[in-house]
Amino acid sequence: MITKTEIDKLAAQYETGDFIKDDPVQFPHRFSSKKDIELAGFIASLLAYGSRKQFIKKLDQLFEIAQNEPLNFVQNFEPEMIGDFNYRFGKPDDFKAIFLILKNLYNSSNGLEELFEHGYKQNKIFETVVDYFYSRVNNSSVAAGHGFYHMIPNPHNGGAMKRMCMYLRWMVRKGPVDLGVWNFITPSELYIPLDVHVGRISRQMGLLTRNANDFKSVVELTNNLKLLCPEDPVKYDFAMFGYGVSGVDKLLSV
């Protein structure tokens, strides 16, 4: 198993400002107001699957459509504004539905922070947020399909909820990469964003025993990371990245 000294060094090595330029976290970093930051982060997290090069290219296009004003775009959104924009499973109608729901949210409340905080207080943060979107999609006046449910996955299915865990990391942690604009939840309560890559690396490190990359594995891995750093377990997301870049042989000489 990897030692605390080794994994701490890897986390420190890769949690730097240089990480931002090749990561979807670059999009919320473009803004200074909290609502622009949280919306940019949420939008970026929706498309953060598949080829990193491709989804960053598509996100650049989407932010151009929004004229780099996420809050203004959302609050004044009309379906024709999205044009034929699509990305893999996400078709134009899927994006129209999401933005119409966000429009209603931001024109009737304090937005995503309030929604996530409400879910947190109910001890079902993912379920509350997803149920909010699911309960409104059929009233969004567009025929959203598979892409909508892929971008906003159902936590009741037991999946890892990787992109939502990543989004919360961006919004809650404060550091060279994460923006830390929300404070209703502490970094100690976050879950590790788990995908195939992190699952493989964490098993090589001896931090995960389960074979499936599901939410049970998220809980197991996060709990093991809490043994190393109870106050900030998800900082080791950077170490997983670093381990993958460095390789096993190089790790031994860190």
Protein backbone atom coordinates (compact mmCIF):
# COMPACT_ATOMS: atom_id res chain seq x y z
CA MET A 1 0.00 0.00 0.00
CA ILE A 2 1.17 3.52 -0.73
CA THR A 3 2.41 5.37 2.34
CA LYS A 4 0.99 8.64 3.63
CA THR A 5 4.30 10.35 2.90
CA GLU A 6 4.24 9.22 -0.74
CA ILE A 7 0.63 10.15 -1.40
CA ASP A 8 0.97 13.52 0.37
CA LYS A 9 3.97 14.38 -1.83
CA LEU A 10 2.06 13.44 -4.97
CA ALA A 11 -0.97 15.50 -3.93
CA ALA A 12 1.21 18.54 -3.26
CA GLN A 13 3.11 18.06 -6.51
CA TYR A 14 0.01 18.09 -8.71
CA GLU A 15 -2.29 20.47 -6.81
CA THR A 16 -0.82 23.55 -8.46
CA GLY A 17 -2.09 26.30 -10.70
CA ASP A 18 -0.51 24.55 -13.68
CA PHE A 19 -3.15 21.81 -13.32
CA ILE A 20 -5.94 24.22 -14.32
CA LYS A 21 -5.12 24.83 -17.97
CA ASP A 22 -5.77 21.23 -19.08
CA ASP A 23 -8.72 20.53 -16.78
CA PRO A 24 -12.43 21.48 -16.97
CA VAL A 25 -11.92 23.48 -13.77
CA GLN A 26 -10.49 26.16 -16.07
CA PHE A 27 -14.03 27.28 -16.90
CA PRO A 28 -15.17 28.44 -13.44
CA HIS A 29 -11.73 30.01 -13.05
CA ARG A 30 -12.60 32.43 -15.85
CA PHE A 31 -15.07 34.28 -13.62
CA SER A 32 -14.99 36.30 -10.42
CA SER A 33 -18.60 36.49 -9.21
CA LYS A 34 -19.86 33.52 -7.21
CA LYS A 35 -22.93 32.82 -9.32
CA ASP A 36 -20.93 32.93 -12.55
CA ILE A 37 -18.37 30.60 -10.97
CA GLU A 38 -20.91 28.07 -9.72
CA LEU A 39 -22.83 28.06 -13.01
CA ALA A 40 -19.65 27.77 -15.09
CA GLY A 41 -18.53 24.87 -12.90
CA PHE A 42 -21.88 23.12 -13.14
CA ILE A 43 -22.01 23.50 -16.92
CA ALA A 44 -18.42 22.28 -17.26
CA SER A 45 -19.14 19.24 -15.08
CA LEU A 46 -22.07 18.19 -17.28
CA LEU A 47 -19.80 17.68 -20.30
CA ALA A 48 -16.76 16.33 -18.47
CA TYR A 49 -16.83 12.83 -19.92
CA GLY A 50 -15.13 11.17 -22.87
CA SER A 51 -12.02 12.68 -24.42
CA ARG A 52 -10.75 15.60 -22.34
CA LYS A 53 -9.52 17.36 -25.47
CA GLN A 54 -12.93 17.03 -27.12
CA PHE A 55 -15.13 18.08 -24.21
CA ILE A 56 -12.95 21.12 -23.46
CA LYS A 57 -13.30 22.12 -27.11
CA LYS A 58 -17.08 21.73 -26.88
CA LEU A 59 -17.20 23.67 -23.62
CA ASP A 60 -15.31 26.51 -25.27
CA GLN A 61 -18.03 26.55 -27.94
CA LEU A 62 -20.81 26.52 -25.35
CA PHE A 63 -19.30 29.40 -23.40
CA GLU A 64 -18.97 31.33 -26.65
CA ILE A 65 -22.71 30.79 -27.20
CA ALA A 66 -23.24 32.14 -23.67
CA GLN A 67 -21.01 35.12 -24.57
CA ASN A 68 -18.94 34.21 -21.50
CA GLU A 69 -21.72 35.46 -19.22
CA PRO A 70 -23.12 32.30 -17.57
CA LEU A 71 -25.55 33.99 -15.17
CA ASN A 72 -26.90 36.41 -17.75
CA PHE A 73 -27.22 33.58 -20.29
CA VAL A 74 -29.14 31.38 -17.85
CA GLN A 75 -31.46 34.07 -16.53
CA ASN A 76 -32.41 35.18 -20.04
CA PHE A 77 -32.25 31.82 -21.76
CA GLU A 78 -34.55 30.99 -24.67
CA PRO A 79 -34.40 27.60 -26.44
CA GLU A 80 -33.36 29.04 -29.80
CA MET A 81 -30.17 30.39 -28.19
CA ILE A 82 -28.65 26.91 -28.02
CA GLY A 83 -28.90 26.39 -31.77
CA ASP A 84 -27.72 22.92 -32.80
CA PHE A 85 -25.13 22.60 -30.04
CA ASN A 86 -24.55 19.00 -28.99
CA TYR A 87 -21.91 16.78 -27.43
CA ARG A 88 -22.02 13.00 -27.72
CA PHE A 89 -25.14 11.84 -25.84
CA GLY A 90 -26.23 15.42 -25.20
CA LYS A 91 -28.46 16.67 -28.01
CA PRO A 92 -29.80 20.23 -28.42
CA ASP A 93 -33.08 19.42 -26.65
CA ASP A 94 -31.17 18.00 -23.66
CA PHE A 95 -29.24 21.25 -23.27
CA LYS A 96 -32.39 23.31 -23.79
CA ALA A 97 -34.12 21.43 -20.97
CA ILE A 98 -31.19 21.86 -18.58
CA PHE A 99 -30.89 25.59 -19.26
CA LEU A 100 -34.65 26.15 -18.95
CA ILE A 101 -34.59 24.45 -15.54
CA LEU A 102 -31.56 26.51 -14.50
CA LYS A 103 -33.37 29.64 -15.71
CA ASN A 104 -36.31 28.90 -13.44
CA LEU A 105 -33.96 28.08 -10.55
CA TYR A 106 -31.99 31.32 -10.82
CA ASN A 107 -35.04 33.49 -11.41
CA SER A 108 -36.92 32.08 -8.42
CA SER A 109 -34.21 31.37 -5.82
CA ASN A 110 -30.57 31.88 -4.91
CA GLY A 111 -29.54 29.25 -7.46
CA LEU A 112 -27.41 26.14 -7.26
CA GLU A 113 -25.84 26.93 -3.90
CA GLU A 114 -29.25 27.12 -2.26
CA LEU A 115 -30.38 23.90 -3.97
CA PHE A 116 -27.27 21.95 -2.95
CA GLU A 117 -27.42 23.34 0.59
CA HIS A 118 -31.04 22.27 0.91
CA GLY A 119 -30.08 18.76 -0.15
CA TYR A 120 -27.15 18.75 2.27
CA LYS A 121 -29.42 19.69 5.17
CA GLN A 122 -31.73 16.82 4.22
CA ASN A 123 -28.71 14.46 4.22
CA LYS A 124 -29.37 13.58 0.58
CA ILE A 125 -27.51 16.17 -1.40
CA PHE A 126 -27.27 14.28 -4.69
CA GLU A 127 -30.84 12.98 -4.56
CA THR A 128 -32.30 16.43 -3.87
CA VAL A 129 -30.43 18.11 -6.71
CA VAL A 130 -31.18 15.38 -9.25
CA ASP A 131 -34.82 15.08 -8.19
CA TYR A 132 -35.16 18.84 -8.72
CA PHE A 133 -34.08 18.48 -12.35
CA TYR A 134 -36.00 15.26 -12.99
CA SER A 135 -39.24 16.63 -11.58
CA ARG A 136 -39.08 19.60 -13.96
CA VAL A 137 -37.75 18.10 -17.18
CA ASN A 138 -41.18 17.09 -18.47
CA ASN A 139 -42.42 20.65 -17.95
CA SER A 140 -39.49 22.25 -19.78
CA SER A 141 -41.38 22.47 -23.12
CA VAL A 142 -38.70 20.44 -24.94
CA ALA A 143 -38.34 16.70 -25.41
CA ALA A 144 -35.19 15.91 -23.48
CA GLY A 145 -33.85 12.40 -23.96
CA HIS A 146 -31.02 10.07 -22.94
CA GLY A 147 -28.43 12.84 -22.95
CA PHE A 148 -30.27 14.74 -20.22
CA TYR A 149 -30.19 11.73 -17.92
CA HIS A 150 -26.56 10.98 -18.76
CA MET A 151 -25.43 14.51 -17.90
CA ILE A 152 -27.52 14.47 -14.69
CA PRO A 153 -27.34 10.82 -13.57
CA ASN A 154 -29.68 9.22 -11.07
CA PRO A 155 -28.00 8.57 -7.68
CA HIS A 156 -30.73 6.05 -6.88
CA ASN A 157 -29.05 3.75 -9.44
CA GLY A 158 -25.94 3.45 -7.26
CA GLY A 159 -23.51 5.03 -9.72
CA ALA A 160 -20.36 6.83 -8.64
CA MET A 161 -21.76 10.34 -9.34
CA LYS A 162 -18.24 11.25 -10.41
CA ARG A 163 -18.96 14.57 -12.10
CA MET A 164 -21.15 15.84 -9.27
CA CYS A 165 -18.50 14.85 -6.71
CA MET A 166 -15.95 16.70 -8.84
CA TYR A 167 -18.19 19.77 -9.03
CA LEU A 168 -18.57 19.83 -5.25
CA ARG A 169 -14.80 19.55 -4.89
CA TRP A 170 -14.40 22.64 -7.05
CA MET A 171 -17.02 24.62 -5.15
CA VAL A 172 -16.11 23.61 -1.57
CA ARG A 173 -12.35 23.11 -1.37
CA LYS A 174 -10.09 26.16 -1.48
CA GLY A 175 -6.64 25.87 -2.98
CA PRO A 176 -4.50 26.46 -6.05
CA VAL A 177 -7.05 24.56 -8.20
CA ASP A 178 -10.37 24.41 -6.34
CA LEU A 179 -12.30 27.64 -5.92
CA GLY A 180 -13.97 27.18 -2.51
CA VAL A 181 -16.92 29.56 -3.00
CA TRP A 182 -19.39 27.49 -0.94
CA ASN A 183 -19.09 27.05 2.82
CA PHE A 184 -22.27 25.24 3.92
CA ILE A 185 -20.31 21.98 3.76
CA THR A 186 -16.72 21.27 4.80
CA PRO A 187 -14.04 19.54 2.68
CA SER A 188 -14.06 16.69 5.22
CA GLU A 189 -17.59 15.77 4.06
CA LEU A 190 -16.81 15.52 0.34
CA TYR A 191 -16.60 12.30 -1.66
CA ILE A 192 -13.78 11.41 -4.03
CA PRO A 193 -14.66 11.71 -7.73
CA LEU A 194 -14.34 8.12 -8.94
CA ASP A 195 -13.96 7.13 -12.57
CA VAL A 196 -12.28 4.16 -14.28
CA HIS A 197 -8.86 5.84 -14.04
CA VAL A 198 -9.12 6.73 -10.34
CA GLY A 199 -10.56 3.29 -9.60
CA ARG A 200 -7.60 1.57 -11.25
CA ILE A 201 -5.03 3.80 -9.57
CA SER A 202 -6.61 3.51 -6.12
CA ARG A 203 -6.56 -0.29 -6.37
CA GLN A 204 -2.88 -0.19 -7.34
CA MET A 205 -2.27 2.01 -4.31
CA GLY A 206 -4.07 -0.48 -2.07
CA LEU A 207 -6.80 2.00 -1.16
CA LEU A 208 -9.77 0.25 -2.79
CA THR A 209 -10.76 -3.43 -2.72
CA ARG A 210 -14.10 -3.39 -4.54
CA ASN A 211 -14.03 -4.17 -8.27
CA ALA A 212 -17.03 -2.09 -9.34
CA ASN A 213 -16.70 1.66 -9.83
CA ASP A 214 -19.95 2.42 -8.02
CA PHE A 215 -20.96 4.57 -5.07
CA LYS A 216 -20.09 1.83 -2.58
CA SER A 217 -16.55 2.06 -3.91
CA VAL A 218 -16.69 5.85 -3.60
CA VAL A 219 -17.54 5.46 0.08
CA GLU A 220 -14.84 2.83 0.68
CA LEU A 221 -12.14 4.87 -1.05
CA THR A 222 -13.17 8.13 0.63
CA ASN A 223 -13.16 6.46 4.06
CA ASN A 224 -9.67 5.09 3.45
CA LEU A 225 -8.48 8.53 2.35
CA LYS A 226 -9.97 10.00 5.53
CA LEU A 227 -7.61 7.77 7.49
CA LEU A 228 -4.77 9.67 5.80
CA CYS A 229 -6.29 13.16 6.01
CA PRO A 230 -9.61 13.38 7.88
CA GLU A 231 -10.09 17.10 7.24
CA ASP A 232 -9.49 16.98 3.48
CA PRO A 233 -9.63 13.47 1.98
CA VAL A 234 -10.42 14.51 -1.60
CA LYS A 235 -7.15 16.40 -1.97
CA TYR A 236 -5.82 12.97 -2.91
CA ASP A 237 -7.69 13.25 -6.20
CA PHE A 238 -4.55 15.09 -7.31
CA ALA A 239 -2.36 12.24 -6.07
CA MET A 240 -4.36 9.74 -8.15
CA PHE A 241 -3.74 11.94 -11.16
CA GLY A 242 -0.06 12.25 -10.27
CA TYR A 243 0.33 8.52 -9.78
CA GLY A 244 -1.16 7.89 -13.21
CA VAL A 245 1.17 10.40 -14.84
CA SER A 246 4.27 9.31 -12.94
CA GLY A 247 3.91 5.55 -13.18
CA VAL A 248 4.69 2.94 -10.53
CA ASP A 249 8.48 3.00 -10.99
CA LYS A 250 8.70 6.76 -10.60
CA LEU A 251 6.36 6.67 -7.61
CA LEU A 252 8.86 4.62 -5.65
CA SER A 253 11.39 7.45 -5.90
CA VAL A 254 9.01 10.30 -5.04
